[in-house]
Amino acid sequence: MGGRAAYLAVDWGTTNRRAFAMSEAGAVLDSLHDDRGVLALTPDAYPAEIAALRARLGARPIIAVGMVGSNRGWRPAPYVDAPATLAALAEACLEPAPDVRIVPGVALRDGARPDVMRGEEIQVFGAIGAGAAPATALFCQPGTHNKWIETVDGAITDFTTVMTGEFFALLRAHGILAGMLDGSVEDGDAFRAGIRRGLTSGNLAATLFEVRSGLLLDRIGPEQAAPYASGILVGADLGTRADLRRRPVHLLGGGRLAALYAAAITEAGGDPVTVPDGSTTAGIHAIWSLRA
């Protein structure tokens, strides 16, 4: 390890875990990435996991974010209500063991539409703190459950969770479209056509059936089915954002899925801005910097 760590930052997700040995200045000195997510653990397994992380990365204080603080994780860390600030998250951290803090998520409780998130808020605050996004911005974090997150003056004021990725996985595995969507999803004519169709879809269930009928009537080829169906779902997701063309969309996360969303936002007339990697550690470091 290149230097002495001040603390360990842990992004503890549902299926995966990333841990980082962090310097006092916020530099990553060492890291590990494994499959010891919360679904692989029972609550009584965490003390041993913490000991193992310290043995590997250094016997230092730990700040953990993500699903470790959910009702499926170690101990539930109660949500902070929106509008939520970085300082509010830091103040509400749960301490399940000595020198271990779990950062809470953010909740929408008032009004007709409840919503929750854990982990995405850290990336938002990290991106803002690192200067990769302005304090008032629209964020998108593609994933199994895509997140649209709005901030005003550095506070998370509103967000929406969309089950786009999960719907596509379910369509691939079950129902009438199963077996038709086994191809790869890449940016191209079929994906872009699906985006345009999804943007104007008034009935998503009916529009998705067009994948099957399009195959049967030779309107689309077998290799086009998966990207076209994916495009429909992503397009329908984007179609709910009336503000898409009014301001840049800051994309959190990298990889193929973020690239597909960038292409989709462009196709819809928006302006995607990819936030560089490192938002999670930047956000956790911001929490560390606010410690008492």
C-alpha atoms as a PDB file:
ATOM      1  CA  MET A   1       0.000   0.000   0.000  1.00  0.00           C
ATOM      2  CA  GLY A   2       1.485   3.319  -1.091  1.00  0.00           C
ATOM      3  CA  GLY A   3       1.351   5.289   2.173  1.00  0.00           C
ATOM      4  CA  ARG A   4      -0.535   5.147   5.460  1.00  0.00           C
ATOM      5  CA  ALA A   5      -4.319   5.170   5.177  1.00  0.00           C
ATOM      6  CA  ALA A   6      -6.369   7.578   7.282  1.00  0.00           C
ATOM      7  CA  TYR A   7      -9.567   5.553   6.889  1.00  0.00           C
ATOM      8  CA  LEU A   8     -11.277   2.913   4.748  1.00  0.00           C
ATOM      9  CA  ALA A   9     -14.139   3.812   2.397  1.00  0.00           C
ATOM     10  CA  VAL A  10     -16.516   0.960   1.571  1.00  0.00           C
ATOM     11  CA  ASP A  11     -19.171   0.987  -1.146  1.00  0.00           C
ATOM     12  CA  TRP A  12     -21.235  -2.007  -0.001  1.00  0.00           C
ATOM     13  CA  GLY A  13     -23.784  -2.914  -2.630  1.00  0.00           C
ATOM     14  CA  THR A  14     -26.357  -5.642  -3.077  1.00  0.00           C
ATOM     15  CA  THR A  15     -24.113  -8.114  -4.902  1.00  0.00           C
ATOM     16  CA  ASN A  16     -20.683  -6.442  -4.930  1.00  0.00           C
ATOM     17  CA  ARG A  17     -18.399  -4.613  -2.543  1.00  0.00           C
ATOM     18  CA  ARG A  18     -15.647  -2.093  -3.231  1.00  0.00           C
ATOM     19  CA  ALA A  19     -13.290  -0.998  -0.471  1.00  0.00           C
ATOM     20  CA  PHE A  20     -10.611   1.697  -0.614  1.00  0.00           C
ATOM     21  CA  ALA A  21      -7.763   2.679   1.673  1.00  0.00           C
ATOM     22  CA  MET A  22      -7.933   6.486   1.664  1.00  0.00           C
ATOM     23  CA  SER A  23      -5.328   9.090   2.561  1.00  0.00           C
ATOM     24  CA  GLU A  24      -6.131  12.103   4.728  1.00  0.00           C
ATOM     25  CA  ALA A  25      -6.197  14.169   1.519  1.00  0.00           C
ATOM     26  CA  GLY A  26      -8.672  11.837  -0.220  1.00  0.00           C
ATOM     27  CA  ALA A  27      -6.316   9.853  -2.459  1.00  0.00           C
ATOM     28  CA  VAL A  28      -6.940   6.144  -3.032  1.00  0.00           C
ATOM     29  CA  LEU A  29      -3.930   4.230  -1.733  1.00  0.00           C
ATOM     30  CA  ASP A  30      -5.200   0.670  -2.201  1.00  0.00           C
ATOM     31  CA  SER A  31      -8.463  -1.056  -3.064  1.00  0.00           C
ATOM     32  CA  LEU A  32     -10.314  -4.322  -3.472  1.00  0.00           C
ATOM     33  CA  HIS A  33     -13.447  -5.355  -5.361  1.00  0.00           C
ATOM     34  CA  ASP A  34     -15.260  -8.594  -4.575  1.00  0.00           C
ATOM     35  CA  ASP A  35     -18.664 -10.280  -4.512  1.00  0.00           C
ATOM     36  CA  ARG A  36     -19.222  -9.912  -0.749  1.00  0.00           C
ATOM     37  CA  GLY A  37     -22.336  -7.796  -1.193  1.00  0.00           C
ATOM     38  CA  VAL A  38     -25.172  -7.776   1.321  1.00  0.00           C
ATOM     39  CA  LEU A  39     -26.956 -10.724  -0.309  1.00  0.00           C
ATOM     40  CA  ALA A  40     -23.925 -12.899   0.460  1.00  0.00           C
ATOM     41  CA  LEU A  41     -23.931 -12.020   4.169  1.00  0.00           C
ATOM     42  CA  THR A  42     -26.079 -12.377   7.270  1.00  0.00           C
ATOM     43  CA  PRO A  43     -26.136  -9.552   9.851  1.00  0.00           C
ATOM     44  CA  ASP A  44     -23.939 -11.478  12.279  1.00  0.00           C
ATOM     45  CA  ALA A  45     -21.254 -11.927   9.574  1.00  0.00           C
ATOM     46  CA  TYR A  46     -20.318  -8.234   9.355  1.00  0.00           C
ATOM     47  CA  PRO A  47     -17.907  -8.001  12.324  1.00  0.00           C
ATOM     48  CA  ALA A  48     -15.743 -10.694  10.721  1.00  0.00           C
ATOM     49  CA  GLU A  49     -15.998  -8.940   7.348  1.00  0.00           C
ATOM     50  CA  ILE A  50     -14.898  -5.663   8.936  1.00  0.00           C
ATOM     51  CA  ALA A  51     -11.941  -7.431  10.568  1.00  0.00           C
ATOM     52  CA  ALA A  52     -10.984  -8.992   7.221  1.00  0.00           C
ATOM     53  CA  LEU A  53     -11.124  -5.625   5.440  1.00  0.00           C
ATOM     54  CA  ARG A  54      -8.886  -4.092   8.081  1.00  0.00           C
ATOM     55  CA  ALA A  55      -6.461  -6.988   7.848  1.00  0.00           C
ATOM     56  CA  ARG A  56      -6.247  -6.471   4.083  1.00  0.00           C
ATOM     57  CA  LEU A  57      -6.301  -2.653   3.819  1.00  0.00           C
ATOM     58  CA  GLY A  58      -5.259  -1.397   7.246  1.00  0.00           C
ATOM     59  CA  ALA A  59      -6.638  -1.193  10.784  1.00  0.00           C
ATOM     60  CA  ARG A  60      -8.330   2.153  10.265  1.00  0.00           C
ATOM     61  CA  PRO A  61     -11.785   3.726  10.839  1.00  0.00           C
ATOM     62  CA  ILE A  62     -14.394   2.752   8.273  1.00  0.00           C
ATOM     63  CA  ILE A  63     -17.087   4.744   6.464  1.00  0.00           C
ATOM     64  CA  ALA A  64     -19.533   2.521   4.566  1.00  0.00           C
ATOM     65  CA  VAL A  65     -22.247   3.524   2.107  1.00  0.00           C
ATOM     66  CA  GLY A  66     -24.925   1.687   0.143  1.00  0.00           C
ATOM     67  CA  MET A  67     -27.063  -1.322   0.945  1.00  0.00           C
ATOM     68  CA  VAL A  68     -25.068  -2.204   4.066  1.00  0.00           C
ATOM     69  CA  GLY A  69     -27.365   0.285   5.821  1.00  0.00           C
ATOM     70  CA  SER A  70     -30.587  -1.186   4.427  1.00  0.00           C
ATOM     71  CA  ASN A  71     -32.954  -3.679   6.030  1.00  0.00           C
ATOM     72  CA  ARG A  72     -31.096  -6.349   4.033  1.00  0.00           C
ATOM     73  CA  GLY A  73     -27.702  -5.269   5.305  1.00  0.00           C
ATOM     74  CA  TRP A  74     -25.928  -5.056   8.638  1.00  0.00           C
ATOM     75  CA  ARG A  75     -28.024  -2.517  10.511  1.00  0.00           C
ATOM     76  CA  PRO A  76     -30.716  -0.190   9.080  1.00  0.00           C
ATOM     77  CA  ALA A  77     -29.493   3.395   8.909  1.00  0.00           C
ATOM     78  CA  PRO A  78     -32.653   5.574   8.875  1.00  0.00           C
ATOM     79  CA  TYR A  79     -33.142   7.679   5.752  1.00  0.00           C
ATOM     80  CA  VAL A  80     -32.558  11.423   5.734  1.00  0.00           C
ATOM     81  CA  ASP A  81     -35.507  13.267   4.248  1.00  0.00           C
ATOM     82  CA  ALA A  82     -35.135  15.354   1.093  1.00  0.00           C
ATOM     83  CA  PRO A  83     -34.107  18.089   0.713  1.00  0.00           C
ATOM     84  CA  ALA A  84     -30.929  16.412   1.976  1.00  0.00           C
ATOM     85  CA  THR A  85     -27.489  17.947   2.352  1.00  0.00           C
ATOM     86  CA  LEU A  86     -24.085  16.353   2.775  1.00  0.00           C
ATOM     87  CA  ALA A  87     -23.927  17.725   6.323  1.00  0.00           C
ATOM     88  CA  ALA A  88     -27.280  16.090   7.172  1.00  0.00           C
ATOM     89  CA  LEU A  89     -26.001  12.719   5.971  1.00  0.00           C
ATOM     90  CA  ALA A  90     -22.788  13.075   7.958  1.00  0.00           C
ATOM     91  CA  GLU A  91     -24.713  13.962  11.110  1.00  0.00           C
ATOM     92  CA  ALA A  92     -27.102  11.003  10.733  1.00  0.00           C
ATOM     93  CA  CYS A  93     -24.455   8.287  10.294  1.00  0.00           C
ATOM     94  CA  LEU A  94     -25.103   5.064  12.188  1.00  0.00           C
ATOM     95  CA  GLU A  95     -22.304   3.514  14.278  1.00  0.00           C
ATOM     96  CA  PRO A  96     -22.892  -0.255  14.479  1.00  0.00           C
ATOM     97  CA  ALA A  97     -19.409  -0.954  15.863  1.00  0.00           C
ATOM     98  CA  PRO A  98     -16.410   1.008  17.142  1.00  0.00           C
ATOM     99  CA  ASP A  99     -14.840   3.195  14.435  1.00  0.00           C
ATOM    100  CA  VAL A 100     -17.432   2.112  11.851  1.00  0.00           C
ATOM    101  CA  ARG A 101     -19.978   4.511  10.415  1.00  0.00           C
ATOM    102  CA  ILE A 102     -22.753   3.720   7.958  1.00  0.00           C
ATOM    103  CA  VAL A 103     -24.004   6.638   5.879  1.00  0.00           C
ATOM    104  CA  PRO A 104     -27.819   6.782   5.550  1.00  0.00           C
ATOM    105  CA  GLY A 105     -29.717   7.079   2.293  1.00  0.00           C
ATOM    106  CA  VAL A 106     -32.262   9.710   1.242  1.00  0.00           C
ATOM    107  CA  ALA A 107     -36.064   9.438   1.227  1.00  0.00           C
ATOM    108  CA  LEU A 108     -39.031  11.243  -0.285  1.00  0.00           C
ATOM    109  CA  ARG A 109     -41.769  10.915   2.333  1.00  0.00           C
ATOM    110  CA  ASP A 110     -44.160  13.782   1.665  1.00  0.00           C
ATOM    111  CA  GLY A 111     -46.593  13.996  -1.208  1.00  0.00           C
ATOM    112  CA  ALA A 112     -48.122  11.290  -3.351  1.00  0.00           C
ATOM    113  CA  ARG A 113     -44.885   9.702  -4.618  1.00  0.00           C
ATOM    114  CA  PRO A 114     -42.607   8.015  -2.061  1.00  0.00           C
ATOM    115  CA  ASP A 115     -39.083   7.038  -3.114  1.00  0.00           C
ATOM    116  CA  VAL A 116     -35.778   5.977  -1.532  1.00  0.00           C
ATOM    117  CA  MET A 117     -32.130   5.587  -2.474  1.00  0.00           C
ATOM    118  CA  ARG A 118     -28.888   4.402  -0.876  1.00  0.00           C
ATOM    119  CA  GLY A 119     -25.495   5.043  -2.402  1.00  0.00           C
ATOM    120  CA  GLU A 120     -26.456   7.234  -5.348  1.00  0.00           C
ATOM    121  CA  GLU A 121     -26.581  10.299  -3.110  1.00  0.00           C
ATOM    122  CA  ILE A 122     -22.897   9.842  -2.269  1.00  0.00           C
ATOM    123  CA  GLN A 123     -21.978   9.941  -5.955  1.00  0.00           C
ATOM    124  CA  VAL A 124     -24.019  13.107  -6.427  1.00  0.00           C
ATOM    125  CA  PHE A 125     -22.329  14.909  -3.544  1.00  0.00           C
ATOM    126  CA  GLY A 126     -18.948  13.602  -4.684  1.00  0.00           C
ATOM    127  CA  ALA A 127     -19.457  14.910  -8.218  1.00  0.00           C
ATOM    128  CA  ILE A 128     -20.501  18.327  -6.927  1.00  0.00           C
ATOM    129  CA  GLY A 129     -17.658  18.487  -4.398  1.00  0.00           C
ATOM    130  CA  ALA A 130     -15.079  17.520  -7.023  1.00  0.00           C
ATOM    131  CA  GLY A 131     -16.330  20.218  -9.406  1.00  0.00           C
ATOM    132  CA  ALA A 132     -17.523  17.660 -11.977  1.00  0.00           C
ATOM    133  CA  ALA A 133     -21.095  18.994 -11.760  1.00  0.00           C
ATOM    134  CA  PRO A 134     -22.669  22.267 -10.592  1.00  0.00           C
ATOM    135  CA  ALA A 135     -24.501  22.547  -7.277  1.00  0.00           C
ATOM    136  CA  THR A 136     -27.832  22.893  -9.088  1.00  0.00           C
ATOM    137  CA  ALA A 137     -28.100  20.092 -11.634  1.00  0.00           C
ATOM    138  CA  LEU A 138     -29.952  17.099 -13.039  1.00  0.00           C
ATOM    139  CA  PHE A 139     -28.217  13.745 -12.592  1.00  0.00           C
ATOM    140  CA  CYS A 140     -28.904  10.341 -14.121  1.00  0.00           C
ATOM    141  CA  GLN A 141     -27.409   7.143 -12.742  1.00  0.00           C
ATOM    142  CA  PRO A 142     -28.124   4.241 -15.130  1.00  0.00           C
ATOM    143  CA  GLY A 143     -28.463   0.809 -13.601  1.00  0.00           C
ATOM    144  CA  THR A 144     -30.896  -1.960 -12.838  1.00  0.00           C
ATOM    145  CA  HIS A 145     -32.945   0.774 -11.177  1.00  0.00           C
ATOM    146  CA  ASN A 146     -32.135   4.001 -13.001  1.00  0.00           C
ATOM    147  CA  LYS A 147     -32.106   7.153 -10.862  1.00  0.00           C
ATOM    148  CA  TRP A 148     -32.968  10.699 -11.885  1.00  0.00           C
ATOM    149  CA  ILE A 149     -31.717  13.061  -9.174  1.00  0.00           C
ATOM    150  CA  GLU A 150     -32.206  16.805  -8.900  1.00  0.00           C
ATOM    151  CA  THR A 151     -30.105  19.127  -6.764  1.00  0.00           C
ATOM    152  CA  VAL A 152     -30.544  22.781  -5.835  1.00  0.00           C
ATOM    153  CA  ASP A 153     -27.678  24.683  -4.220  1.00  0.00           C
ATOM    154  CA  GLY A 154     -25.935  21.429  -3.337  1.00  0.00           C
ATOM    155  CA  ALA A 155     -28.946  19.735  -1.713  1.00  0.00           C
ATOM    156  CA  ILE A 156     -30.811  16.732  -3.138  1.00  0.00           C
ATOM    157  CA  THR A 157     -34.353  18.031  -3.559  1.00  0.00           C
ATOM    158  CA  ASP A 158     -36.083  15.385  -5.692  1.00  0.00           C
ATOM    159  CA  PHE A 159     -35.405  12.049  -7.381  1.00  0.00           C
ATOM    160  CA  THR A 160     -37.157   9.275  -9.282  1.00  0.00           C
ATOM    161  CA  THR A 161     -36.323   5.580  -9.423  1.00  0.00           C
ATOM    162  CA  VAL A 162     -37.181   3.805 -12.680  1.00  0.00           C
ATOM    163  CA  MET A 163     -37.054  -0.009 -12.984  1.00  0.00           C
ATOM    164  CA  THR A 164     -35.854   0.134 -16.602  1.00  0.00           C
ATOM    165  CA  GLY A 165     -33.004  -2.367 -16.335  1.00  0.00           C
ATOM    166  CA  GLU A 166     -35.009  -4.780 -14.229  1.00  0.00           C
ATOM    167  CA  PHE A 167     -37.898  -4.720 -16.707  1.00  0.00           C
ATOM    168  CA  PHE A 168     -35.524  -5.576 -19.550  1.00  0.00           C
ATOM    169  CA  ALA A 169     -34.028  -8.465 -17.562  1.00  0.00           C
ATOM    170  CA  LEU A 170     -37.501  -9.799 -16.793  1.00  0.00           C
ATOM    171  CA  LEU A 171     -38.557  -9.558 -20.440  1.00  0.00           C
ATOM    172  CA  ARG A 172     -35.448 -11.474 -21.459  1.00  0.00           C
ATOM    173  CA  ALA A 173     -36.105 -14.273 -18.986  1.00  0.00           C
ATOM    174  CA  HIS A 174     -39.895 -14.604 -18.859  1.00  0.00           C
ATOM    175  CA  GLY A 175     -42.998 -14.138 -20.953  1.00  0.00           C
ATOM    176  CA  ILE A 176     -43.693 -14.017 -24.625  1.00  0.00           C
ATOM    177  CA  LEU A 177     -40.493 -12.143 -25.550  1.00  0.00           C
ATOM    178  CA  ALA A 178     -38.211 -14.616 -23.779  1.00  0.00           C
ATOM    179  CA  GLY A 179     -35.827 -16.135 -26.310  1.00  0.00           C
ATOM    180  CA  MET A 180     -36.211 -13.174 -28.676  1.00  0.00           C
ATOM    181  CA  LEU A 181     -34.000 -10.783 -26.714  1.00  0.00           C
ATOM    182  CA  ASP A 182     -30.835 -12.854 -26.329  1.00  0.00           C
ATOM    183  CA  GLY A 183     -28.757 -10.672 -28.627  1.00  0.00           C
ATOM    184  CA  SER A 184     -26.346  -7.983 -27.459  1.00  0.00           C
ATOM    185  CA  VAL A 185     -27.520  -4.430 -26.915  1.00  0.00           C
ATOM    186  CA  GLU A 186     -25.301  -1.892 -28.650  1.00  0.00           C
ATOM    187  CA  ASP A 187     -25.797   1.652 -29.851  1.00  0.00           C
ATOM    188  CA  GLY A 188     -26.930   1.502 -33.460  1.00  0.00           C
ATOM    189  CA  ASP A 189     -29.907   1.906 -35.770  1.00  0.00           C
ATOM    190  CA  ALA A 190     -32.136  -0.575 -33.902  1.00  0.00           C
ATOM    191  CA  PHE A 191     -31.407   0.931 -30.478  1.00  0.00           C
ATOM    192  CA  ARG A 192     -31.970   4.469 -31.776  1.00  0.00           C
ATOM    193  CA  ALA A 193     -35.231   3.405 -33.450  1.00  0.00           C
ATOM    194  CA  GLY A 194     -36.356   1.917 -30.148  1.00  0.00           C
ATOM    195  CA  ILE A 195     -35.482   5.172 -28.373  1.00  0.00           C
ATOM    196  CA  ARG A 196     -37.641   7.175 -30.764  1.00  0.00           C
ATOM    197  CA  ARG A 197     -40.500   4.707 -30.436  1.00  0.00           C
ATOM    198  CA  GLY A 198     -40.285   4.694 -26.636  1.00  0.00           C
ATOM    199  CA  LEU A 199     -40.235   8.488 -26.439  1.00  0.00           C
ATOM    200  CA  THR A 200     -43.648   8.668 -28.104  1.00  0.00           C
ATOM    201  CA  SER A 201     -45.181   5.566 -26.536  1.00  0.00           C
ATOM    202  CA  GLY A 202     -48.450   6.233 -24.786  1.00  0.00           C
ATOM    203  CA  ASN A 203     -48.796   2.588 -23.790  1.00  0.00           C
ATOM    204  CA  LEU A 204     -45.504   0.872 -22.968  1.00  0.00           C
ATOM    205  CA  ALA A 205     -47.036  -2.598 -22.713  1.00  0.00           C
ATOM    206  CA  ALA A 206     -48.521  -2.323 -26.201  1.00  0.00           C
ATOM    207  CA  THR A 207     -45.328  -0.849 -27.637  1.00  0.00           C
ATOM    208  CA  LEU A 208     -43.244  -3.723 -26.287  1.00  0.00           C
ATOM    209  CA  PHE A 209     -45.521  -6.244 -28.013  1.00  0.00           C
ATOM    210  CA  GLU A 210     -44.469  -4.605 -31.279  1.00  0.00           C
ATOM    211  CA  VAL A 211     -41.125  -6.363 -30.828  1.00  0.00           C
ATOM    212  CA  ARG A 212     -42.820  -9.728 -31.285  1.00  0.00           C
ATOM    213  CA  SER A 213     -45.124  -8.611 -34.068  1.00  0.00           C
ATOM    214  CA  GLY A 214     -42.251  -6.843 -35.814  1.00  0.00           C
ATOM    215  CA  LEU A 215     -40.289 -10.103 -35.831  1.00  0.00           C
ATOM    216  CA  LEU A 216     -43.241 -12.141 -37.107  1.00  0.00           C
ATOM    217  CA  LEU A 217     -43.971  -9.652 -39.894  1.00  0.00           C
ATOM    218  CA  ASP A 218     -40.324  -9.152 -40.878  1.00  0.00           C
ATOM    219  CA  ARG A 219     -40.291  -5.525 -39.776  1.00  0.00           C
ATOM    220  CA  ILE A 220     -37.225  -6.129 -37.610  1.00  0.00           C
ATOM    221  CA  GLY A 221     -34.560  -8.812 -37.763  1.00  0.00           C
ATOM    222  CA  PRO A 222     -33.727 -11.244 -34.955  1.00  0.00           C
ATOM    223  CA  GLU A 223     -30.459  -9.449 -34.206  1.00  0.00           C
ATOM    224  CA  GLN A 224     -32.348  -6.158 -33.869  1.00  0.00           C
ATOM    225  CA  ALA A 225     -34.890  -7.339 -31.294  1.00  0.00           C
ATOM    226  CA  ALA A 226     -32.792  -6.893 -28.144  1.00  0.00           C
ATOM    227  CA  PRO A 227     -31.440  -3.402 -28.912  1.00  0.00           C
ATOM    228  CA  TYR A 228     -34.866  -2.295 -30.178  1.00  0.00           C
ATOM    229  CA  ALA A 229     -36.633  -3.497 -27.004  1.00  0.00           C
ATOM    230  CA  SER A 230     -33.946  -1.937 -24.808  1.00  0.00           C
ATOM    231  CA  GLY A 231     -34.308   1.305 -26.718  1.00  0.00           C
ATOM    232  CA  ILE A 232     -38.075   1.298 -26.190  1.00  0.00           C
ATOM    233  CA  LEU A 233     -37.639   0.963 -22.425  1.00  0.00           C
ATOM    234  CA  VAL A 234     -34.929   3.612 -22.182  1.00  0.00           C
ATOM    235  CA  GLY A 235     -36.873   5.924 -24.499  1.00  0.00           C
ATOM    236  CA  ALA A 236     -40.002   5.567 -22.370  1.00  0.00           C
ATOM    237  CA  ASP A 237     -37.876   6.384 -19.323  1.00  0.00           C
ATOM    238  CA  LEU A 238     -36.491   9.526 -20.972  1.00  0.00           C
ATOM    239  CA  GLY A 239     -39.945  10.466 -22.212  1.00  0.00           C
ATOM    240  CA  THR A 240     -41.081  11.166 -18.668  1.00  0.00           C
ATOM    241  CA  ARG A 241     -38.492  13.949 -18.283  1.00  0.00           C
ATOM    242  CA  ALA A 242     -40.090  17.153 -19.483  1.00  0.00           C
ATOM    243  CA  ASP A 243     -36.891  19.024 -18.548  1.00  0.00           C
ATOM    244  CA  LEU A 244     -34.560  16.822 -20.608  1.00  0.00           C
ATOM    245  CA  ARG A 245     -33.790  19.465 -23.237  1.00  0.00           C
ATOM    246  CA  ARG A 246     -33.594  22.427 -20.872  1.00  0.00           C
ATOM    247  CA  ARG A 247     -30.355  21.597 -19.057  1.00  0.00           C
ATOM    248  CA  PRO A 248     -27.435  19.167 -19.229  1.00  0.00           C
ATOM    249  CA  VAL A 249     -27.894  15.663 -17.820  1.00  0.00           C
ATOM    250  CA  HIS A 250     -24.915  14.617 -15.676  1.00  0.00           C
ATOM    251  CA  LEU A 251     -24.375  10.868 -16.057  1.00  0.00           C
ATOM    252  CA  LEU A 252     -23.006   9.085 -12.997  1.00  0.00           C
ATOM    253  CA  GLY A 253     -21.080   5.872 -13.580  1.00  0.00           C
ATOM    254  CA  GLY A 254     -19.268   4.603 -16.622  1.00  0.00           C
ATOM    255  CA  GLY A 255     -19.247   1.554 -18.839  1.00  0.00           C
ATOM    256  CA  ARG A 256     -21.547   0.333 -21.573  1.00  0.00           C
ATOM    257  CA  LEU A 257     -24.833   1.229 -19.887  1.00  0.00           C
ATOM    258  CA  ALA A 258     -23.816   4.832 -19.286  1.00  0.00           C
ATOM    259  CA  ALA A 259     -22.712   5.042 -22.935  1.00  0.00           C
ATOM    260  CA  LEU A 260     -26.118   3.757 -24.052  1.00  0.00           C
ATOM    261  CA  TYR A 261     -27.891   6.347 -21.909  1.00  0.00           C
ATOM    262  CA  ALA A 262     -25.635   9.070 -23.307  1.00  0.00           C
ATOM    263  CA  ALA A 263     -26.608   8.001 -26.828  1.00  0.00           C
ATOM    264  CA  ALA A 264     -30.283   7.886 -25.845  1.00  0.00           C
ATOM    265  CA  ILE A 265     -30.211  11.335 -24.242  1.00  0.00           C
ATOM    266  CA  THR A 266     -28.572  12.718 -27.380  1.00  0.00           C
ATOM    267  CA  GLU A 267     -31.206  11.035 -29.561  1.00  0.00           C
ATOM    268  CA  ALA A 268     -33.911  12.626 -27.402  1.00  0.00           C
ATOM    269  CA  GLY A 269     -32.399  16.070 -27.925  1.00  0.00           C
ATOM    270  CA  GLY A 270     -30.674  16.345 -24.558  1.00  0.00           C
ATOM    271  CA  ASP A 271     -27.099  17.139 -23.593  1.00  0.00           C
ATOM    272  CA  PRO A 272     -25.363  14.296 -21.702  1.00  0.00           C
ATOM    273  CA  VAL A 273     -22.308  15.103 -19.588  1.00  0.00           C
ATOM    274  CA  THR A 274     -20.375  12.089 -18.332  1.00  0.00           C
ATOM    275  CA  VAL A 275     -19.069  12.527 -14.795  1.00  0.00           C
ATOM    276  CA  PRO A 276     -15.556  11.026 -14.428  1.00  0.00           C
ATOM    277  CA  ASP A 277     -15.032   7.993 -12.212  1.00  0.00           C
ATOM    278  CA  GLY A 278     -14.273   8.671  -8.585  1.00  0.00           C
ATOM    279  CA  SER A 279     -17.514  10.267  -7.429  1.00  0.00           C
ATOM    280  CA  THR A 280     -18.126   7.593  -4.795  1.00  0.00           C
ATOM    281  CA  THR A 281     -14.762   7.979  -3.084  1.00  0.00           C
ATOM    282  CA  ALA A 282     -15.021  11.766  -3.422  1.00  0.00           C
ATOM    283  CA  GLY A 283     -18.412  11.694  -1.705  1.00  0.00           C
ATOM    284  CA  ILE A 284     -17.229   9.426   1.092  1.00  0.00           C
ATOM    285  CA  HIS A 285     -14.183  11.644   1.572  1.00  0.00           C
ATOM    286  CA  ALA A 286     -16.479  14.640   1.898  1.00  0.00           C
ATOM    287  CA  ILE A 287     -18.294  12.803   4.707  1.00  0.00           C
ATOM    288  CA  TRP A 288     -14.937  12.008   6.324  1.00  0.00           C
ATOM    289  CA  SER A 289     -13.935  15.669   6.113  1.00  0.00           C
ATOM    290  CA  LEU A 290     -17.064  16.643   8.083  1.00  0.00           C
ATOM    291  CA  ARG A 291     -16.342  14.236  10.928  1.00  0.00           C
ATOM    292  CA  ALA A 292     -16.543  15.642  14.440  1.00  0.00           C
END
